[in-house]
PDB file of N, CA and C in Angstrom:
ATOM      1  N   UNK A   1     -12.040   2.147  13.215  1.00  0.00           N
ATOM      2  CA  UNK A   1     -11.336   1.734  12.048  1.00  0.00           C
ATOM      3  C   UNK A   1     -12.010   2.422  10.869  1.00  0.00           C
ATOM      4  N   UNK A   2     -11.179   2.906   9.926  1.00  0.00           N
ATOM      5  CA  UNK A   2     -11.724   3.498   8.783  1.00  0.00           C
ATOM      6  C   UNK A   2     -11.160   2.738   7.519  1.00  0.00           C
ATOM      7  N   UNK A   3     -12.056   2.381   6.604  1.00  0.00           N
ATOM      8  CA  UNK A   3     -11.682   1.727   5.371  1.00  0.00           C
ATOM      9  C   UNK A   3     -11.910   2.684   4.182  1.00  0.00           C
ATOM     10  N   UNK A   4     -10.910   2.765   3.364  1.00  0.00           N
ATOM     11  CA  UNK A   4     -10.982   3.557   2.188  1.00  0.00           C
ATOM     12  C   UNK A   4     -10.667   2.650   0.980  1.00  0.00           C
ATOM     13  N   UNK A   5     -11.396   2.871  -0.065  1.00  0.00           N
ATOM     14  CA  UNK A   5     -11.138   2.132  -1.308  1.00  0.00           C
ATOM     15  C   UNK A   5     -10.922   3.084  -2.450  1.00  0.00           C
ATOM     16  N   UNK A   6     -10.199   2.699  -3.391  1.00  0.00           N
ATOM     17  CA  UNK A   6      -9.991   3.484  -4.575  1.00  0.00           C
ATOM     18  C   UNK A   6     -11.007   3.149  -5.652  1.00  0.00           C
ATOM     19  N   UNK A   7     -11.728   2.085  -5.495  1.00  0.00           N
ATOM     20  CA  UNK A   7     -12.693   1.639  -6.427  1.00  0.00           C
ATOM     21  C   UNK A   7     -14.062   2.327  -6.161  1.00  0.00           C
ATOM     22  N   UNK A   8     -15.003   2.195  -7.094  1.00  0.00           N
ATOM     23  CA  UNK A   8     -16.317   2.799  -6.970  1.00  0.00           C
ATOM     24  C   UNK A   8     -17.163   2.028  -5.916  1.00  0.00           C
ATOM     25  N   UNK A   9     -16.851   0.761  -5.669  1.00  0.00           N
ATOM     26  CA  UNK A   9     -17.697  -0.018  -4.787  1.00  0.00           C
ATOM     27  C   UNK A   9     -16.867  -0.478  -3.552  1.00  0.00           C
ATOM     28  N   UNK A  10     -17.352  -0.098  -2.391  1.00  0.00           N
ATOM     29  CA  UNK A  10     -16.648  -0.551  -1.170  1.00  0.00           C
ATOM     30  C   UNK A  10     -16.733  -2.004  -0.945  1.00  0.00           C
ATOM     31  N   UNK A  11     -17.693  -2.680  -1.593  1.00  0.00           N
ATOM     32  CA  UNK A  11     -17.871  -4.129  -1.415  1.00  0.00           C
ATOM     33  C   UNK A  11     -17.058  -4.956  -2.425  1.00  0.00           C
ATOM     34  N   UNK A  12     -16.437  -4.247  -3.313  1.00  0.00           N
ATOM     35  CA  UNK A  12     -15.648  -4.982  -4.379  1.00  0.00           C
ATOM     36  C   UNK A  12     -14.545  -5.787  -3.743  1.00  0.00           C
ATOM     37  N   UNK A  13     -14.432  -7.087  -4.033  1.00  0.00           N
ATOM     38  CA  UNK A  13     -13.412  -7.921  -3.437  1.00  0.00           C
ATOM     39  C   UNK A  13     -12.009  -7.503  -3.907  1.00  0.00           C
ATOM     40  N   UNK A  14     -11.095  -7.649  -3.102  1.00  0.00           N
ATOM     41  CA  UNK A  14      -9.676  -7.305  -3.517  1.00  0.00           C
ATOM     42  C   UNK A  14      -9.111  -8.537  -4.301  1.00  0.00           C
ATOM     43  N   UNK A  15      -8.223  -8.257  -5.173  1.00  0.00           N
ATOM     44  CA  UNK A  15      -7.531  -9.334  -5.945  1.00  0.00           C
ATOM     45  C   UNK A  15      -6.653 -10.058  -4.899  1.00  0.00           C
ATOM     46  N   UNK A  16      -6.230 -11.235  -5.270  1.00  0.00           N
ATOM     47  CA  UNK A  16      -5.361 -11.998  -4.372  1.00  0.00           C
ATOM     48  C   UNK A  16      -4.048 -11.186  -4.086  1.00  0.00           C
ATOM     49  N   UNK A  17      -3.538 -11.272  -2.855  1.00  0.00           N
ATOM     50  CA  UNK A  17      -2.361 -10.622  -2.465  1.00  0.00           C
ATOM     51  C   UNK A  17      -1.185 -11.537  -2.877  1.00  0.00           C
ATOM     52  N   UNK A  18      -0.182 -10.956  -3.591  1.00  0.00           N
ATOM     53  CA  UNK A  18       0.998 -11.715  -3.939  1.00  0.00           C
ATOM     54  C   UNK A  18       2.112 -11.679  -2.955  1.00  0.00           C
ATOM     55  N   UNK A  19       2.181 -10.633  -2.160  1.00  0.00           N
ATOM     56  CA  UNK A  19       3.272 -10.472  -1.137  1.00  0.00           C
ATOM     57  C   UNK A  19       2.790  -9.628   0.002  1.00  0.00           C
ATOM     58  N   UNK A  20       3.174 -10.009   1.197  1.00  0.00           N
ATOM     59  CA  UNK A  20       2.888  -9.196   2.425  1.00  0.00           C
ATOM     60  C   UNK A  20       4.204  -8.638   2.899  1.00  0.00           C
ATOM     61  N   UNK A  21       4.135  -7.323   3.239  1.00  0.00           N
ATOM     62  CA  UNK A  21       5.267  -6.608   3.750  1.00  0.00           C
ATOM     63  C   UNK A  21       4.887  -6.042   5.111  1.00  0.00           C
ATOM     64  N   UNK A  22       5.576  -6.474   6.172  1.00  0.00           N
ATOM     65  CA  UNK A  22       5.323  -6.014   7.487  1.00  0.00           C
ATOM     66  C   UNK A  22       6.339  -4.963   7.829  1.00  0.00           C
ATOM     67  N   UNK A  23       5.949  -3.711   7.969  1.00  0.00           N
ATOM     68  CA  UNK A  23       6.861  -2.689   8.350  1.00  0.00           C
ATOM     69  C   UNK A  23       6.423  -2.018   9.660  1.00  0.00           C
ATOM     70  N   UNK A  24       5.706  -2.782  10.432  1.00  0.00           N
ATOM     71  CA  UNK A  24       5.232  -2.263  11.761  1.00  0.00           C
ATOM     72  C   UNK A  24       6.403  -1.967  12.577  1.00  0.00           C
ATOM     73  N   UNK A  25       6.371  -0.837  13.329  1.00  0.00           N
ATOM     74  CA  UNK A  25       7.453  -0.397  14.218  1.00  0.00           C
ATOM     75  C   UNK A  25       8.490   0.414  13.541  1.00  0.00           C
ATOM     76  N   UNK A  26       8.398   0.537  12.243  1.00  0.00           N
ATOM     77  CA  UNK A  26       9.383   1.398  11.517  1.00  0.00           C
ATOM     78  C   UNK A  26       8.718   2.777  11.198  1.00  0.00           C
ATOM     79  N   UNK A  27       9.506   3.804  11.234  1.00  0.00           N
ATOM     80  CA  UNK A  27       9.051   5.143  10.912  1.00  0.00           C
ATOM     81  C   UNK A  27       9.647   5.684   9.633  1.00  0.00           C
ATOM     82  N   UNK A  28       9.047   6.734   9.166  1.00  0.00           N
ATOM     83  CA  UNK A  28       9.440   7.355   7.905  1.00  0.00           C
ATOM     84  C   UNK A  28      10.963   7.622   7.962  1.00  0.00           C
ATOM     85  N   UNK A  29      11.622   7.317   6.841  1.00  0.00           N
ATOM     86  CA  UNK A  29      11.170   6.923   5.509  1.00  0.00           C
ATOM     87  C   UNK A  29      11.225   5.409   5.280  1.00  0.00           C
ATOM     88  N   UNK A  30      11.529   4.613   6.313  1.00  0.00           N
ATOM     89  CA  UNK A  30      11.789   3.171   6.155  1.00  0.00           C
ATOM     90  C   UNK A  30      10.578   2.404   5.503  1.00  0.00           C
ATOM     91  N   UNK A  31       9.310   2.686   5.969  1.00  0.00           N
ATOM     92  CA  UNK A  31       8.209   1.877   5.366  1.00  0.00           C
ATOM     93  C   UNK A  31       8.072   2.123   3.846  1.00  0.00           C
ATOM     94  N   UNK A  32       8.232   3.347   3.387  1.00  0.00           N
ATOM     95  CA  UNK A  32       8.162   3.655   1.953  1.00  0.00           C
ATOM     96  C   UNK A  32       9.391   3.037   1.256  1.00  0.00           C
ATOM     97  N   UNK A  33      10.582   3.166   1.824  1.00  0.00           N
ATOM     98  CA  UNK A  33      11.748   2.577   1.152  1.00  0.00           C
ATOM     99  C   UNK A  33      11.625   1.064   1.018  1.00  0.00           C
ATOM    100  N   UNK A  34      11.147   0.434   2.029  1.00  0.00           N
ATOM    101  CA  UNK A  34      11.017  -1.045   1.941  1.00  0.00           C
ATOM    102  C   UNK A  34       9.909  -1.411   0.981  1.00  0.00           C
ATOM    103  N   UNK A  35       8.811  -0.581   0.896  1.00  0.00           N
ATOM    104  CA  UNK A  35       7.757  -0.850  -0.023  1.00  0.00           C
ATOM    105  C   UNK A  35       8.272  -0.710  -1.425  1.00  0.00           C
ATOM    106  N   UNK A  36       9.075   0.344  -1.704  1.00  0.00           N
ATOM    107  CA  UNK A  36       9.690   0.534  -2.993  1.00  0.00           C
ATOM    108  C   UNK A  36      10.481  -0.697  -3.468  1.00  0.00           C
ATOM    109  N   UNK A  37      11.310  -1.209  -2.567  1.00  0.00           N
ATOM    110  CA  UNK A  37      12.173  -2.385  -2.883  1.00  0.00           C
ATOM    111  C   UNK A  37      11.252  -3.600  -3.168  1.00  0.00           C
ATOM    112  N   UNK A  38      10.249  -3.781  -2.343  1.00  0.00           N
ATOM    113  CA  UNK A  38       9.379  -4.930  -2.578  1.00  0.00           C
ATOM    114  C   UNK A  38       8.600  -4.823  -3.888  1.00  0.00           C
ATOM    115  N   UNK A  39       8.110  -3.612  -4.188  1.00  0.00           N
ATOM    116  CA  UNK A  39       7.346  -3.455  -5.455  1.00  0.00           C
ATOM    117  C   UNK A  39       8.308  -3.656  -6.667  1.00  0.00           C
ATOM    118  N   UNK A  40       9.529  -3.182  -6.547  1.00  0.00           N
ATOM    119  CA  UNK A  40      10.491  -3.345  -7.700  1.00  0.00           C
ATOM    120  C   UNK A  40      10.752  -4.803  -7.998  1.00  0.00           C
ATOM    121  N   UNK A  41      10.639  -5.711  -6.995  1.00  0.00           N
ATOM    122  CA  UNK A  41      10.794  -7.136  -7.254  1.00  0.00           C
ATOM    123  C   UNK A  41       9.596  -7.802  -7.862  1.00  0.00           C
ATOM    124  N   UNK A  42       8.422  -7.113  -7.828  1.00  0.00           N
ATOM    125  CA  UNK A  42       7.204  -7.727  -8.320  1.00  0.00           C
ATOM    126  C   UNK A  42       6.991  -7.479  -9.813  1.00  0.00           C
ATOM    127  N   UNK A  43       6.071  -8.173 -10.357  1.00  0.00           N
ATOM    128  CA  UNK A  43       5.715  -7.961 -11.757  1.00  0.00           C
ATOM    129  C   UNK A  43       4.459  -7.080 -11.801  1.00  0.00           C
ATOM    130  N   UNK A  44       4.267  -6.367 -12.927  1.00  0.00           N
ATOM    131  CA  UNK A  44       3.071  -5.543 -13.021  1.00  0.00           C
ATOM    132  C   UNK A  44       1.773  -6.346 -12.812  1.00  0.00           C
ATOM    133  N   UNK A  45       0.869  -5.745 -12.130  1.00  0.00           N
ATOM    134  CA  UNK A  45      -0.410  -6.422 -11.833  1.00  0.00           C
ATOM    135  C   UNK A  45      -0.451  -7.125 -10.422  1.00  0.00           C
ATOM    136  N   UNK A  46       0.761  -7.422  -9.953  1.00  0.00           N
ATOM    137  CA  UNK A  46       0.782  -8.053  -8.635  1.00  0.00           C
ATOM    138  C   UNK A  46       0.423  -7.078  -7.532  1.00  0.00           C
ATOM    139  N   UNK A  47      -0.108  -7.593  -6.424  1.00  0.00           N
ATOM    140  CA  UNK A  47      -0.641  -6.801  -5.290  1.00  0.00           C
ATOM    141  C   UNK A  47       0.254  -7.015  -4.072  1.00  0.00           C
ATOM    142  N   UNK A  48       0.677  -5.861  -3.489  1.00  0.00           N
ATOM    143  CA  UNK A  48       1.479  -5.905  -2.237  1.00  0.00           C
ATOM    144  C   UNK A  48       0.567  -5.415  -1.108  1.00  0.00           C
ATOM    145  N   UNK A  49       0.581  -6.223  -0.021  1.00  0.00           N
ATOM    146  CA  UNK A  49      -0.253  -5.822   1.181  1.00  0.00           C
ATOM    147  C   UNK A  49       0.807  -5.395   2.202  1.00  0.00           C
ATOM    148  N   UNK A  50       0.723  -4.126   2.580  1.00  0.00           N
ATOM    149  CA  UNK A  50       1.677  -3.500   3.520  1.00  0.00           C
ATOM    150  C   UNK A  50       0.996  -3.290   4.840  1.00  0.00           C
ATOM    151  N   UNK A  51       1.661  -3.669   5.973  1.00  0.00           N
ATOM    152  CA  UNK A  51       1.166  -3.438   7.311  1.00  0.00           C
ATOM    153  C   UNK A  51       2.090  -2.431   7.979  1.00  0.00           C
ATOM    154  N   UNK A  52       1.544  -1.268   8.423  1.00  0.00           N
ATOM    155  CA  UNK A  52       2.432  -0.232   8.978  1.00  0.00           C
ATOM    156  C   UNK A  52       1.809   0.400  10.210  1.00  0.00           C
ATOM    157  N   UNK A  53       2.688   0.909  11.036  1.00  0.00           N
ATOM    158  CA  UNK A  53       2.226   1.595  12.313  1.00  0.00           C
ATOM    159  C   UNK A  53       2.758   3.033  12.435  1.00  0.00           C
ATOM    160  N   UNK A  54       3.510   3.465  11.416  1.00  0.00           N
ATOM    161  CA  UNK A  54       3.947   4.834  11.393  1.00  0.00           C
ATOM    162  C   UNK A  54       2.762   5.839  11.402  1.00  0.00           C
ATOM    163  N   UNK A  55       2.746   6.779  12.295  1.00  0.00           N
ATOM    164  CA  UNK A  55       1.589   7.667  12.382  1.00  0.00           C
ATOM    165  C   UNK A  55       1.283   8.481  11.076  1.00  0.00           C
ATOM    166  N   UNK A  56       2.350   8.642  10.249  1.00  0.00           N
ATOM    167  CA  UNK A  56       2.134   9.333   8.984  1.00  0.00           C
ATOM    168  C   UNK A  56       2.021   8.392   7.763  1.00  0.00           C
ATOM    169  N   UNK A  57       1.841   7.163   8.036  1.00  0.00           N
ATOM    170  CA  UNK A  57       1.755   6.159   6.962  1.00  0.00           C
ATOM    171  C   UNK A  57       0.719   6.469   5.909  1.00  0.00           C
ATOM    172  N   UNK A  58      -0.432   6.881   6.315  1.00  0.00           N
ATOM    173  CA  UNK A  58      -1.539   7.124   5.406  1.00  0.00           C
ATOM    174  C   UNK A  58      -1.086   8.233   4.390  1.00  0.00           C
ATOM    175  N   UNK A  59      -0.566   9.333   4.949  1.00  0.00           N
ATOM    176  CA  UNK A  59      -0.133  10.390   4.079  1.00  0.00           C
ATOM    177  C   UNK A  59       1.006   9.941   3.179  1.00  0.00           C
ATOM    178  N   UNK A  60       1.982   9.240   3.759  1.00  0.00           N
ATOM    179  CA  UNK A  60       3.120   8.812   2.962  1.00  0.00           C
ATOM    180  C   UNK A  60       2.782   7.852   1.885  1.00  0.00           C
ATOM    181  N   UNK A  61       1.916   6.857   2.140  1.00  0.00           N
ATOM    182  CA  UNK A  61       1.577   5.882   1.103  1.00  0.00           C
ATOM    183  C   UNK A  61       0.712   6.478   0.042  1.00  0.00           C
ATOM    184  N   UNK A  62      -0.232   7.342   0.386  1.00  0.00           N
ATOM    185  CA  UNK A  62      -1.028   8.050  -0.637  1.00  0.00           C
ATOM    186  C   UNK A  62      -0.094   8.872  -1.568  1.00  0.00           C
ATOM    187  N   UNK A  63       0.880   9.555  -0.984  1.00  0.00           N
ATOM    188  CA  UNK A  63       1.799  10.345  -1.731  1.00  0.00           C
ATOM    189  C   UNK A  63       2.651   9.445  -2.620  1.00  0.00           C
ATOM    190  N   UNK A  64       3.154   8.367  -2.070  1.00  0.00           N
ATOM    191  CA  UNK A  64       4.017   7.408  -2.847  1.00  0.00           C
ATOM    192  C   UNK A  64       3.258   6.892  -4.069  1.00  0.00           C
ATOM    193  N   UNK A  65       2.002   6.459  -3.853  1.00  0.00           N
ATOM    194  CA  UNK A  65       1.226   5.943  -5.018  1.00  0.00           C
ATOM    195  C   UNK A  65       0.936   7.055  -6.028  1.00  0.00           C
ATOM    196  N   UNK A  66       0.567   8.244  -5.546  1.00  0.00           N
ATOM    197  CA  UNK A  66       0.297   9.324  -6.541  1.00  0.00           C
ATOM    198  C   UNK A  66       1.557   9.698  -7.305  1.00  0.00           C
ATOM    199  N   UNK A  67       2.737   9.666  -6.684  1.00  0.00           N
ATOM    200  CA  UNK A  67       3.983  10.021  -7.290  1.00  0.00           C
ATOM    201  C   UNK A  67       4.466   8.917  -8.240  1.00  0.00           C
ATOM    202  N   UNK A  68       4.288   7.689  -7.878  1.00  0.00           N
ATOM    203  CA  UNK A  68       4.791   6.632  -8.751  1.00  0.00           C
ATOM    204  C   UNK A  68       3.859   6.041  -9.759  1.00  0.00           C
ATOM    205  N   UNK A  69       2.520   6.288  -9.555  1.00  0.00           N
ATOM    206  CA  UNK A  69       1.522   5.725 -10.392  1.00  0.00           C
ATOM    207  C   UNK A  69       1.009   4.318  -9.955  1.00  0.00           C
ATOM    208  N   UNK A  70       1.657   3.737  -8.955  1.00  0.00           N
ATOM    209  CA  UNK A  70       1.139   2.429  -8.501  1.00  0.00           C
ATOM    210  C   UNK A  70      -0.271   2.654  -7.929  1.00  0.00           C
ATOM    211  N   UNK A  71      -1.102   1.692  -8.077  1.00  0.00           N
ATOM    212  CA  UNK A  71      -2.510   1.843  -7.691  1.00  0.00           C
ATOM    213  C   UNK A  71      -2.800   1.465  -6.261  1.00  0.00           C
ATOM    214  N   UNK A  72      -3.240   2.432  -5.427  1.00  0.00           N
ATOM    215  CA  UNK A  72      -3.676   2.101  -4.102  1.00  0.00           C
ATOM    216  C   UNK A  72      -5.059   1.624  -4.095  1.00  0.00           C
ATOM    217  N   UNK A  73      -5.220   0.280  -4.043  1.00  0.00           N
ATOM    218  CA  UNK A  73      -6.483  -0.328  -4.214  1.00  0.00           C
ATOM    219  C   UNK A  73      -7.384  -0.120  -2.938  1.00  0.00           C
ATOM    220  N   UNK A  74      -6.786  -0.171  -1.819  1.00  0.00           N
ATOM    221  CA  UNK A  74      -7.523  -0.033  -0.563  1.00  0.00           C
ATOM    222  C   UNK A  74      -6.534   0.270   0.577  1.00  0.00           C
ATOM    223  N   UNK A  75      -7.070   1.021   1.544  1.00  0.00           N
ATOM    224  CA  UNK A  75      -6.358   1.227   2.787  1.00  0.00           C
ATOM    225  C   UNK A  75      -7.212   1.075   3.928  1.00  0.00           C
ATOM    226  N   UNK A  76      -6.830   0.445   4.934  1.00  0.00           N
ATOM    227  CA  UNK A  76      -7.549   0.288   6.192  1.00  0.00           C
ATOM    228  C   UNK A  76      -6.804   1.004   7.255  1.00  0.00           C
ATOM    229  N   UNK A  77      -7.419   2.044   7.775  1.00  0.00           N
ATOM    230  CA  UNK A  77      -6.734   2.920   8.767  1.00  0.00           C
ATOM    231  C   UNK A  77      -7.267   2.577  10.170  1.00  0.00           C
ATOM    232  N   UNK A  78      -6.498   1.722  10.855  1.00  0.00           N
ATOM    233  CA  UNK A  78      -6.925   1.269  12.186  1.00  0.00           C
ATOM    234  C   UNK A  78      -6.102   2.072  13.197  1.00  0.00           C
ATOM    235  N   UNK A  79      -6.576   2.180  14.409  1.00  0.00           N
ATOM    236  CA  UNK A  79      -5.924   2.882  15.424  1.00  0.00           C
ATOM    237  C   UNK A  79      -4.472   2.362  15.675  1.00  0.00           C
ATOM    238  N   UNK A  80      -4.303   1.089  15.480  1.00  0.00           N
ATOM    239  CA  UNK A  80      -2.943   0.502  15.702  1.00  0.00           C
ATOM    240  C   UNK A  80      -2.163   0.148  14.502  1.00  0.00           C
ATOM    241  N   UNK A  81      -2.788  -0.410  13.469  1.00  0.00           N
ATOM    242  CA  UNK A  81      -2.099  -0.808  12.252  1.00  0.00           C
ATOM    243  C   UNK A  81      -2.873  -0.347  11.050  1.00  0.00           C
ATOM    244  N   UNK A  82      -2.151   0.214  10.088  1.00  0.00           N
ATOM    245  CA  UNK A  82      -2.705   0.631   8.807  1.00  0.00           C
ATOM    246  C   UNK A  82      -2.371  -0.433   7.783  1.00  0.00           C
ATOM    247  N   UNK A  83      -3.293  -0.754   6.942  1.00  0.00           N
ATOM    248  CA  UNK A  83      -3.039  -1.732   5.886  1.00  0.00           C
ATOM    249  C   UNK A  83      -3.227  -1.110   4.553  1.00  0.00           C
ATOM    250  N   UNK A  84      -2.326  -1.357   3.661  1.00  0.00           N
ATOM    251  CA  UNK A  84      -2.358  -0.815   2.244  1.00  0.00           C
ATOM    252  C   UNK A  84      -2.261  -1.906   1.267  1.00  0.00           C
ATOM    253  N   UNK A  85      -3.106  -1.874   0.282  1.00  0.00           N
ATOM    254  CA  UNK A  85      -3.184  -2.868  -0.818  1.00  0.00           C
ATOM    255  C   UNK A  85      -2.757  -2.084  -2.083  1.00  0.00           C
ATOM    256  N   UNK A  86      -1.581  -2.375  -2.603  1.00  0.00           N
ATOM    257  CA  UNK A  86      -1.059  -1.621  -3.708  1.00  0.00           C
ATOM    258  C   UNK A  86      -0.758  -2.523  -4.916  1.00  0.00           C
ATOM    259  N   UNK A  87      -1.307  -2.121  -6.064  1.00  0.00           N
ATOM    260  CA  UNK A  87      -1.060  -2.937  -7.238  1.00  0.00           C
ATOM    261  C   UNK A  87       0.055  -2.240  -8.093  1.00  0.00           C
ATOM    262  N   UNK A  88       1.041  -3.082  -8.470  1.00  0.00           N
ATOM    263  CA  UNK A  88       2.105  -2.530  -9.264  1.00  0.00           C
ATOM    264  C   UNK A  88       1.643  -2.268 -10.689  1.00  0.00           C
ATOM    265  N   UNK A  89       1.983  -1.066 -11.211  1.00  0.00           N
ATOM    266  CA  UNK A  89       1.608  -0.738 -12.569  1.00  0.00           C
ATOM    267  C   UNK A  89       2.702  -1.171 -13.520  1.00  0.00           C
ATOM    268  N   UNK A  90       2.373  -1.172 -14.811  1.00  0.00           N
ATOM    269  CA  UNK A  90       3.339  -1.595 -15.870  1.00  0.00           C
ATOM    270  C   UNK A  90       4.437  -0.624 -15.966  1.00  0.00           C
ATOM    271  N   UNK A  91       4.120   0.666 -16.076  1.00  0.00           N
ATOM    272  CA  UNK A  91       5.117   1.677 -16.251  1.00  0.00           C
ATOM    273  C   UNK A  91       5.073   2.697 -15.078  1.00  0.00           C
ATOM    274  N   UNK A  92       5.784   2.475 -13.920  1.00  0.00           N
ATOM    275  CA  UNK A  92       5.776   3.415 -12.873  1.00  0.00           C
ATOM    276  C   UNK A  92       6.443   4.726 -13.269  1.00  0.00           C
ATOM    277  N   UNK A  93       6.101   5.788 -12.663  1.00  0.00           N
ATOM    278  CA  UNK A  93       6.709   7.138 -12.919  1.00  0.00           C
ATOM    279  C   UNK A  93       7.980   7.204 -12.160  1.00  0.00           C
TER     280      UNK A  93
END
């Protein structure tokens, strides 16, 4: 299992999760599409925790966050399930 954080400290606690989105078993583009819908329902500052099994999920979610400006707080890349913690920004691109 590999853990990546966007913050300077790997031990920094995550903010509380406001919503969990389980997209396990779905492949591209469905995990990103469902994430976009979920984030659109949220208010800025809220955190979405996404669980995915798509083999390209890490690449897709990094790209999604870079393209939209939403903050990828942390990702846990496990052999079976990847977890993404995404904070909604005030003004997405």
